[in-house]
Amino acid sequence: MNDVVAIDVLVPALVLAILGWVVPQLLAKIMPEGVAALVAIGVLSLLILLVLATLTFALLYAVRGHEVQNMAFLAALFLFGRAGLLSAIIWAPVVAISTANLPRHWTKETW
């Protein structure tokens, strides 16, 4: 029972939380400094994390032995997209904190 909780709950939650921190940091390296870019980084990070979370749940579903390729596309998108959206309770606050931390490292623009 403890292994199931660790593998099925804690590991994906930890991976998504880490990605929630890393994605805005990586986007900040390629985006310019400024408030408009900061908003764009936040929105792009949320969209990227939603896609990554959806793919994570599809991968976990496939690893458990279920046949993902036999599912109808819209049914799979709804099932895994909903799971990815529900997981936002874990990674969305991390994205917000990571994005809010970015202006501390600005050298050209001021907040």
C-alpha atoms as a PDB file:
ATOM      1  CA  MET A   1       0.000   0.000   0.000  1.00  0.00           C
ATOM      2  CA  ASN A   2       2.776   2.464   0.838  1.00  0.00           C
ATOM      3  CA  ASP A   3       4.551   1.744  -2.450  1.00  0.00           C
ATOM      4  CA  VAL A   4       1.369   2.464  -4.374  1.00  0.00           C
ATOM      5  CA  VAL A   5       0.967   5.831  -2.643  1.00  0.00           C
ATOM      6  CA  ALA A   6       4.607   6.719  -3.263  1.00  0.00           C
ATOM      7  CA  ILE A   7       4.573   5.763  -6.933  1.00  0.00           C
ATOM      8  CA  ASP A   8       1.057   6.821  -7.894  1.00  0.00           C
ATOM      9  CA  VAL A   9       0.711   9.999  -5.834  1.00  0.00           C
ATOM     10  CA  LEU A  10       3.916  11.387  -4.371  1.00  0.00           C
ATOM     11  CA  VAL A  11       6.266  10.943  -7.318  1.00  0.00           C
ATOM     12  CA  PRO A  12       3.960  12.589  -9.908  1.00  0.00           C
ATOM     13  CA  ALA A  13       3.113  15.377  -7.454  1.00  0.00           C
ATOM     14  CA  LEU A  14       6.792  16.029  -6.798  1.00  0.00           C
ATOM     15  CA  VAL A  15       7.658  15.946 -10.509  1.00  0.00           C
ATOM     16  CA  LEU A  16       4.850  18.374 -11.363  1.00  0.00           C
ATOM     17  CA  ALA A  17       5.841  20.712  -8.521  1.00  0.00           C
ATOM     18  CA  ILE A  18       9.457  20.737  -9.714  1.00  0.00           C
ATOM     19  CA  LEU A  19       8.318  21.385 -13.280  1.00  0.00           C
ATOM     20  CA  GLY A  20       6.136  24.188 -11.926  1.00  0.00           C
ATOM     21  CA  TRP A  21       9.284  25.890 -10.666  1.00  0.00           C
ATOM     22  CA  VAL A  22      11.574  25.088 -13.602  1.00  0.00           C
ATOM     23  CA  VAL A  23       9.331  25.995 -16.554  1.00  0.00           C
ATOM     24  CA  PRO A  24       8.965  29.730 -15.683  1.00  0.00           C
ATOM     25  CA  GLN A  25      12.688  29.935 -14.933  1.00  0.00           C
ATOM     26  CA  LEU A  26      13.537  28.472 -18.349  1.00  0.00           C
ATOM     27  CA  LEU A  27      11.056  30.735 -20.124  1.00  0.00           C
ATOM     28  CA  ALA A  28      12.592  33.753 -18.372  1.00  0.00           C
ATOM     29  CA  LYS A  29      15.936  32.935 -19.987  1.00  0.00           C
ATOM     30  CA  ILE A  30      14.489  33.330 -23.495  1.00  0.00           C
ATOM     31  CA  MET A  31      11.916  36.073 -22.853  1.00  0.00           C
ATOM     32  CA  PRO A  32      12.778  39.757 -22.411  1.00  0.00           C
ATOM     33  CA  GLU A  33      12.462  41.506 -19.089  1.00  0.00           C
ATOM     34  CA  GLY A  34       9.363  43.555 -18.380  1.00  0.00           C
ATOM     35  CA  VAL A  35       5.861  43.347 -17.008  1.00  0.00           C
ATOM     36  CA  ALA A  36       4.258  42.255 -20.295  1.00  0.00           C
ATOM     37  CA  ALA A  37       6.837  39.480 -20.666  1.00  0.00           C
ATOM     38  CA  LEU A  38       6.258  38.469 -17.054  1.00  0.00           C
ATOM     39  CA  VAL A  39       2.535  38.030 -17.735  1.00  0.00           C
ATOM     40  CA  ALA A  40       3.361  36.094 -20.911  1.00  0.00           C
ATOM     41  CA  ILE A  41       5.733  33.847 -18.949  1.00  0.00           C
ATOM     42  CA  GLY A  42       2.999  33.151 -16.419  1.00  0.00           C
ATOM     43  CA  VAL A  43       0.392  32.287 -19.056  1.00  0.00           C
ATOM     44  CA  LEU A  44       2.794  30.199 -21.146  1.00  0.00           C
ATOM     45  CA  SER A  45       3.970  28.370 -18.032  1.00  0.00           C
ATOM     46  CA  LEU A  46       0.409  27.490 -17.085  1.00  0.00           C
ATOM     47  CA  LEU A  47      -0.338  26.186 -20.577  1.00  0.00           C
ATOM     48  CA  ILE A  48       2.901  24.197 -20.768  1.00  0.00           C
ATOM     49  CA  LEU A  49       2.319  22.705 -17.324  1.00  0.00           C
ATOM     50  CA  LEU A  50      -1.237  21.762 -18.245  1.00  0.00           C
ATOM     51  CA  VAL A  51       0.065  19.877 -21.288  1.00  0.00           C
ATOM     52  CA  LEU A  52       2.880  18.253 -19.276  1.00  0.00           C
ATOM     53  CA  ALA A  53       0.492  17.225 -16.504  1.00  0.00           C
ATOM     54  CA  THR A  54      -1.926  15.761 -19.051  1.00  0.00           C
ATOM     55  CA  LEU A  55       0.902  13.791 -20.670  1.00  0.00           C
ATOM     56  CA  THR A  56       2.119  12.658 -17.249  1.00  0.00           C
ATOM     57  CA  PHE A  57      -1.262  11.184 -16.408  1.00  0.00           C
ATOM     58  CA  ALA A  58      -1.502   9.515 -19.827  1.00  0.00           C
ATOM     59  CA  LEU A  59       1.948   8.012 -19.258  1.00  0.00           C
ATOM     60  CA  LEU A  60       1.003   6.786 -15.780  1.00  0.00           C
ATOM     61  CA  TYR A  61      -2.168   5.283 -17.213  1.00  0.00           C
ATOM     62  CA  ALA A  62      -0.158   3.472 -19.907  1.00  0.00           C
ATOM     63  CA  VAL A  63       2.488   2.273 -17.436  1.00  0.00           C
ATOM     64  CA  ARG A  64      -0.242   0.647 -15.347  1.00  0.00           C
ATOM     65  CA  GLY A  65      -1.052  -1.549 -18.341  1.00  0.00           C
ATOM     66  CA  HIS A  66      -4.088   0.228 -19.751  1.00  0.00           C
ATOM     67  CA  GLU A  67      -4.401   0.625 -23.493  1.00  0.00           C
ATOM     68  CA  VAL A  68      -4.257   4.346 -24.175  1.00  0.00           C
ATOM     69  CA  GLN A  69      -3.980   3.946 -27.938  1.00  0.00           C
ATOM     70  CA  ASN A  70      -7.368   2.173 -28.088  1.00  0.00           C
ATOM     71  CA  MET A  71      -9.176   5.086 -26.431  1.00  0.00           C
ATOM     72  CA  ALA A  72     -11.058   7.564 -28.564  1.00  0.00           C
ATOM     73  CA  PHE A  73      -9.045  10.773 -28.876  1.00  0.00           C
ATOM     74  CA  LEU A  74     -11.669  13.039 -27.332  1.00  0.00           C
ATOM     75  CA  ALA A  75     -12.299  10.613 -24.470  1.00  0.00           C
ATOM     76  CA  ALA A  76      -8.581  10.407 -23.720  1.00  0.00           C
ATOM     77  CA  LEU A  77      -8.207  14.174 -23.973  1.00  0.00           C
ATOM     78  CA  PHE A  78     -11.102  14.693 -21.578  1.00  0.00           C
ATOM     79  CA  LEU A  79      -9.906  12.056 -19.086  1.00  0.00           C
ATOM     80  CA  PHE A  80      -6.266  13.075 -18.963  1.00  0.00           C
ATOM     81  CA  GLY A  81      -6.934  16.784 -19.483  1.00  0.00           C
ATOM     82  CA  ARG A  82      -9.284  16.777 -16.521  1.00  0.00           C
ATOM     83  CA  ALA A  83      -6.672  14.991 -14.392  1.00  0.00           C
ATOM     84  CA  GLY A  84      -4.045  17.517 -15.510  1.00  0.00           C
ATOM     85  CA  LEU A  85      -6.363  20.389 -14.671  1.00  0.00           C
ATOM     86  CA  LEU A  86      -7.151  18.944 -11.247  1.00  0.00           C
ATOM     87  CA  SER A  87      -3.437  18.558 -10.573  1.00  0.00           C
ATOM     88  CA  ALA A  88      -3.124  22.337 -10.968  1.00  0.00           C
ATOM     89  CA  ILE A  89      -3.829  22.501  -7.256  1.00  0.00           C
ATOM     90  CA  ILE A  90      -0.252  21.268  -6.851  1.00  0.00           C
ATOM     91  CA  TRP A  91       1.678  23.012  -9.593  1.00  0.00           C
ATOM     92  CA  ALA A  92      -0.208  26.283 -10.158  1.00  0.00           C
ATOM     93  CA  PRO A  93       0.862  27.869  -6.832  1.00  0.00           C
ATOM     94  CA  VAL A  94       4.455  26.861  -7.566  1.00  0.00           C
ATOM     95  CA  VAL A  95       4.226  28.491 -11.012  1.00  0.00           C
ATOM     96  CA  ALA A  96       2.846  31.654  -9.408  1.00  0.00           C
ATOM     97  CA  ILE A  97       5.651  31.814  -6.845  1.00  0.00           C
ATOM     98  CA  SER A  98       8.321  31.066  -9.439  1.00  0.00           C
ATOM     99  CA  THR A  99       6.964  33.707 -11.812  1.00  0.00           C
ATOM    100  CA  ALA A 100       6.623  36.285  -9.028  1.00  0.00           C
ATOM    101  CA  ASN A 101      10.258  35.666  -8.118  1.00  0.00           C
ATOM    102  CA  LEU A 102      11.556  36.534 -11.602  1.00  0.00           C
ATOM    103  CA  PRO A 103      11.719  40.361 -11.248  1.00  0.00           C
ATOM    104  CA  ARG A 104      14.296  39.951  -8.476  1.00  0.00           C
ATOM    105  CA  HIS A 105      16.822  38.951 -11.133  1.00  0.00           C
ATOM    106  CA  TRP A 106      16.064  41.689 -13.657  1.00  0.00           C
ATOM    107  CA  THR A 107      19.031  43.847 -14.638  1.00  0.00           C
ATOM    108  CA  LYS A 108      17.544  46.081 -17.362  1.00  0.00           C
ATOM    109  CA  GLU A 109      13.960  46.698 -16.244  1.00  0.00           C
ATOM    110  CA  THR A 110      12.680  47.844 -12.874  1.00  0.00           C
ATOM    111  CA  TRP A 111       9.556  46.559 -11.245  1.00  0.00           C
END
